[in-house]
Amino acid sequence: MRLKEGFVVYDLCGKKIVLAQGLANIDFNRVLSLSDSAAWLWEEARRQGDFTVESLAKALCDEYEITPADAQADVTELVAQWQQEGVCE
């Protein structure tokens, strides 16, 4: 998988959100809000380019004190959300 081009994480009043670049693409009814760890995973997915749930879960374990099983479950849920929102393919 990989993140689609044209989506950027913005910091809006201390909250991390994903929006399409360019004012014409902004739909404020569909703003994807990210926790700090989800924003970190977004940047990690961008860094990896082609990523898997497993590669992101491993990176999450390396960065945070989290069990592999919890990391796998959290990343699986997050990537499913990204797919549903259409920001990764």
N, C-alpha and C. Protein backbone atom coordinates (compact mmCIF):
# COMPACT_ATOMS: atom_id res chain seq x y z
N MET A 1 0.84 -1.17 0.00
CA MET A 1 0.00 0.00 0.00
C MET A 1 0.88 1.24 0.00
N ARG A 2 0.25 2.35 -0.33
CA ARG A 2 0.94 3.63 -0.21
C ARG A 2 -0.10 4.73 -0.04
N LEU A 3 0.34 5.83 0.57
CA LEU A 3 -0.53 6.98 0.71
C LEU A 3 -0.69 7.65 -0.65
N LYS A 4 -1.88 8.11 -0.95
CA LYS A 4 -2.11 8.80 -2.21
C LYS A 4 -1.44 10.17 -2.16
N GLU A 5 -0.99 10.61 -3.31
CA GLU A 5 -0.39 11.94 -3.42
C GLU A 5 -1.47 13.00 -3.22
N GLY A 6 -1.06 14.15 -2.74
CA GLY A 6 -1.98 15.27 -2.63
C GLY A 6 -2.65 15.43 -1.29
N PHE A 7 -2.37 14.52 -0.35
CA PHE A 7 -2.91 14.65 1.00
C PHE A 7 -1.79 15.03 1.95
N VAL A 8 -2.08 15.99 2.82
CA VAL A 8 -1.06 16.55 3.71
C VAL A 8 -1.63 16.62 5.12
N VAL A 9 -0.78 16.39 6.12
CA VAL A 9 -1.17 16.58 7.51
C VAL A 9 -0.92 18.02 7.89
N TYR A 10 -1.95 18.66 8.42
CA TYR A 10 -1.85 20.03 8.89
C TYR A 10 -2.06 20.05 10.39
N ASP A 11 -1.45 21.02 11.05
CA ASP A 11 -1.67 21.25 12.48
C ASP A 11 -2.64 22.41 12.59
N LEU A 12 -3.83 22.14 13.08
CA LEU A 12 -4.88 23.15 13.20
C LEU A 12 -5.22 23.31 14.67
N CYS A 13 -4.69 24.36 15.27
CA CYS A 13 -4.94 24.64 16.69
C CYS A 13 -4.54 23.45 17.57
N GLY A 14 -3.40 22.85 17.26
CA GLY A 14 -2.90 21.74 18.05
C GLY A 14 -3.49 20.39 17.69
N LYS A 15 -4.39 20.34 16.73
CA LYS A 15 -5.00 19.10 16.28
C LYS A 15 -4.45 18.75 14.91
N LYS A 16 -4.05 17.52 14.69
CA LYS A 16 -3.52 17.07 13.40
C LYS A 16 -4.68 16.59 12.53
N ILE A 17 -4.75 17.14 11.30
CA ILE A 17 -5.80 16.74 10.37
C ILE A 17 -5.19 16.49 9.00
N VAL A 18 -5.84 15.63 8.22
CA VAL A 18 -5.41 15.33 6.86
C VAL A 18 -6.39 16.02 5.92
N LEU A 19 -5.83 16.79 5.00
CA LEU A 19 -6.63 17.48 3.98
C LEU A 19 -5.96 17.32 2.63
N ALA A 20 -6.76 17.41 1.59
CA ALA A 20 -6.22 17.43 0.24
C ALA A 20 -5.57 18.78 0.01
N GLN A 21 -4.45 18.79 -0.71
CA GLN A 21 -3.78 20.05 -1.02
C GLN A 21 -4.64 20.86 -1.98
N GLY A 22 -4.58 22.16 -1.83
CA GLY A 22 -5.32 23.06 -2.72
C GLY A 22 -6.70 23.36 -2.19
N LEU A 23 -7.05 24.62 -2.17
CA LEU A 23 -8.33 25.03 -1.61
C LEU A 23 -9.52 24.39 -2.33
N ALA A 24 -9.40 24.13 -3.60
CA ALA A 24 -10.51 23.55 -4.35
C ALA A 24 -10.83 22.13 -3.89
N ASN A 25 -9.86 21.46 -3.27
CA ASN A 25 -10.05 20.08 -2.85
C ASN A 25 -10.52 19.92 -1.42
N ILE A 26 -10.60 21.01 -0.67
CA ILE A 26 -10.93 20.91 0.75
C ILE A 26 -12.43 20.72 0.92
N ASP A 27 -12.81 19.66 1.59
CA ASP A 27 -14.19 19.37 1.95
C ASP A 27 -14.21 19.28 3.47
N PHE A 28 -14.65 20.35 4.13
CA PHE A 28 -14.60 20.39 5.58
C PHE A 28 -15.62 19.46 6.23
N ASN A 29 -16.47 18.83 5.44
CA ASN A 29 -17.37 17.82 5.98
C ASN A 29 -16.66 16.48 6.12
N ARG A 30 -15.50 16.33 5.49
CA ARG A 30 -14.75 15.07 5.54
C ARG A 30 -13.31 15.34 5.94
N VAL A 31 -13.12 15.79 7.16
CA VAL A 31 -11.79 16.05 7.68
C VAL A 31 -11.36 14.82 8.48
N LEU A 32 -10.17 14.33 8.19
CA LEU A 32 -9.62 13.16 8.88
C LEU A 32 -8.73 13.66 10.00
N SER A 33 -9.15 13.45 11.23
CA SER A 33 -8.39 13.88 12.40
C SER A 33 -7.48 12.75 12.85
N LEU A 34 -6.24 13.09 13.25
CA LEU A 34 -5.26 12.09 13.66
C LEU A 34 -4.78 12.35 15.08
N SER A 35 -4.66 11.28 15.85
CA SER A 35 -4.00 11.38 17.15
C SER A 35 -2.50 11.58 16.90
N ASP A 36 -1.75 11.85 17.95
CA ASP A 36 -0.30 12.03 17.79
C ASP A 36 0.36 10.78 17.20
N SER A 37 -0.04 9.60 17.70
CA SER A 37 0.57 8.37 17.18
C SER A 37 0.11 8.09 15.75
N ALA A 38 -1.13 8.41 15.41
CA ALA A 38 -1.61 8.23 14.04
C ALA A 38 -0.89 9.19 13.09
N ALA A 39 -0.64 10.42 13.56
CA ALA A 39 0.11 11.38 12.74
C ALA A 39 1.54 10.88 12.54
N TRP A 40 2.11 10.29 13.58
CA TRP A 40 3.46 9.72 13.46
C TRP A 40 3.45 8.59 12.43
N LEU A 41 2.41 7.74 12.49
CA LEU A 41 2.30 6.64 11.53
C LEU A 41 2.11 7.15 10.11
N TRP A 42 1.39 8.26 9.96
CA TRP A 42 1.22 8.86 8.63
C TRP A 42 2.59 9.24 8.06
N GLU A 43 3.39 9.91 8.88
CA GLU A 43 4.72 10.32 8.43
C GLU A 43 5.60 9.10 8.16
N GLU A 44 5.46 8.06 8.96
CA GLU A 44 6.23 6.83 8.75
C GLU A 44 5.78 6.16 7.45
N ALA A 45 4.48 6.12 7.18
CA ALA A 45 3.99 5.55 5.93
C ALA A 45 4.51 6.35 4.74
N ARG A 46 4.53 7.66 4.87
CA ARG A 46 5.06 8.52 3.80
C ARG A 46 6.56 8.22 3.61
N ARG A 47 7.29 8.05 4.71
CA ARG A 47 8.73 7.77 4.64
C ARG A 47 8.99 6.41 3.98
N GLN A 48 8.17 5.41 4.34
CA GLN A 48 8.37 4.08 3.78
C GLN A 48 7.98 4.00 2.30
N GLY A 49 7.07 4.84 1.88
CA GLY A 49 6.59 4.76 0.50
C GLY A 49 5.61 3.61 0.38
N ASP A 50 6.06 2.47 -0.08
CA ASP A 50 5.24 1.27 -0.07
C ASP A 50 5.33 0.67 1.33
N PHE A 51 4.18 0.54 1.98
CA PHE A 51 4.17 0.03 3.35
C PHE A 51 3.16 -1.10 3.47
N THR A 52 3.31 -1.85 4.54
CA THR A 52 2.34 -2.88 4.90
C THR A 52 1.90 -2.61 6.33
N VAL A 53 0.82 -3.23 6.72
CA VAL A 53 0.40 -3.13 8.12
C VAL A 53 1.52 -3.62 9.02
N GLU A 54 2.17 -4.69 8.61
CA GLU A 54 3.24 -5.27 9.41
C GLU A 54 4.43 -4.31 9.55
N SER A 55 4.81 -3.64 8.45
CA SER A 55 5.96 -2.73 8.53
C SER A 55 5.64 -1.52 9.40
N LEU A 56 4.40 -1.03 9.35
CA LEU A 56 4.03 0.08 10.22
C LEU A 56 3.91 -0.36 11.68
N ALA A 57 3.40 -1.56 11.90
CA ALA A 57 3.28 -2.07 13.28
C ALA A 57 4.66 -2.24 13.90
N LYS A 58 5.61 -2.74 13.13
CA LYS A 58 6.98 -2.89 13.64
C LYS A 58 7.58 -1.53 13.97
N ALA A 59 7.39 -0.56 13.09
CA ALA A 59 7.90 0.79 13.34
C ALA A 59 7.25 1.39 14.58
N LEU A 60 5.96 1.13 14.76
CA LEU A 60 5.26 1.64 15.94
C LEU A 60 5.84 1.04 17.22
N CYS A 61 6.14 -0.26 17.19
CA CYS A 61 6.76 -0.92 18.35
C CYS A 61 8.14 -0.34 18.64
N ASP A 62 8.88 -0.01 17.59
CA ASP A 62 10.22 0.55 17.76
C ASP A 62 10.17 1.96 18.35
N GLU A 63 9.09 2.69 18.07
CA GLU A 63 8.99 4.09 18.51
C GLU A 63 8.29 4.24 19.87
N TYR A 64 7.29 3.42 20.11
CA TYR A 64 6.47 3.52 21.31
C TYR A 64 6.55 2.22 22.11
N GLU A 65 6.25 2.31 23.38
CA GLU A 65 6.18 1.11 24.22
C GLU A 65 4.81 0.49 24.04
N ILE A 66 4.72 -0.42 23.08
CA ILE A 66 3.46 -1.07 22.75
C ILE A 66 3.78 -2.51 22.34
N THR A 67 2.89 -3.42 22.68
CA THR A 67 3.12 -4.82 22.34
C THR A 67 2.90 -5.02 20.84
N PRO A 68 3.57 -6.00 20.26
CA PRO A 68 3.34 -6.28 18.83
C PRO A 68 1.88 -6.55 18.50
N ALA A 69 1.17 -7.26 19.36
CA ALA A 69 -0.24 -7.57 19.10
C ALA A 69 -1.08 -6.29 19.10
N ASP A 70 -0.84 -5.41 20.07
CA ASP A 70 -1.58 -4.14 20.12
C ASP A 70 -1.23 -3.26 18.93
N ALA A 71 0.04 -3.22 18.56
CA ALA A 71 0.47 -2.42 17.41
C ALA A 71 -0.20 -2.93 16.14
N GLN A 72 -0.22 -4.24 15.96
CA GLN A 72 -0.84 -4.84 14.78
C GLN A 72 -2.33 -4.47 14.72
N ALA A 73 -3.02 -4.59 15.85
CA ALA A 73 -4.46 -4.28 15.89
C ALA A 73 -4.71 -2.79 15.61
N ASP A 74 -3.92 -1.93 16.23
CA ASP A 74 -4.09 -0.48 16.05
C ASP A 74 -3.81 -0.06 14.61
N VAL A 75 -2.73 -0.57 14.03
CA VAL A 75 -2.37 -0.21 12.66
C VAL A 75 -3.39 -0.77 11.67
N THR A 76 -3.85 -1.98 11.90
CA THR A 76 -4.89 -2.57 11.03
C THR A 76 -6.12 -1.68 11.01
N GLU A 77 -6.56 -1.22 12.17
CA GLU A 77 -7.73 -0.35 12.27
C GLU A 77 -7.48 0.99 11.58
N LEU A 78 -6.30 1.56 11.81
CA LEU A 78 -5.98 2.86 11.22
C LEU A 78 -5.89 2.79 9.70
N VAL A 79 -5.22 1.79 9.18
CA VAL A 79 -5.08 1.65 7.72
C VAL A 79 -6.44 1.39 7.08
N ALA A 80 -7.30 0.63 7.74
CA ALA A 80 -8.66 0.41 7.23
C ALA A 80 -9.41 1.74 7.14
N GLN A 81 -9.23 2.60 8.14
CA GLN A 81 -9.85 3.92 8.12
C GLN A 81 -9.30 4.75 6.96
N TRP A 82 -7.98 4.71 6.77
CA TRP A 82 -7.36 5.44 5.66
C TRP A 82 -7.92 4.97 4.32
N GLN A 83 -8.08 3.65 4.19
CA GLN A 83 -8.62 3.11 2.94
C GLN A 83 -10.05 3.55 2.74
N GLN A 84 -10.84 3.52 3.80
CA GLN A 84 -12.24 3.94 3.72
C GLN A 84 -12.34 5.41 3.33
N GLU A 85 -11.44 6.23 3.86
CA GLU A 85 -11.44 7.66 3.55
C GLU A 85 -10.81 7.96 2.19
N GLY A 86 -10.17 6.97 1.57
CA GLY A 86 -9.62 7.13 0.24
C GLY A 86 -8.28 7.84 0.21
N VAL A 87 -7.52 7.79 1.31
CA VAL A 87 -6.21 8.47 1.32
C VAL A 87 -5.05 7.51 1.10
N CYS A 88 -5.33 6.21 1.01
CA CYS A 88 -4.27 5.26 0.67
C CYS A 88 -4.84 4.23 -0.29
N GLU A 89 -3.91 3.59 -0.99
CA GLU A 89 -4.30 2.59 -1.98
C GLU A 89 -3.40 1.39 -1.90
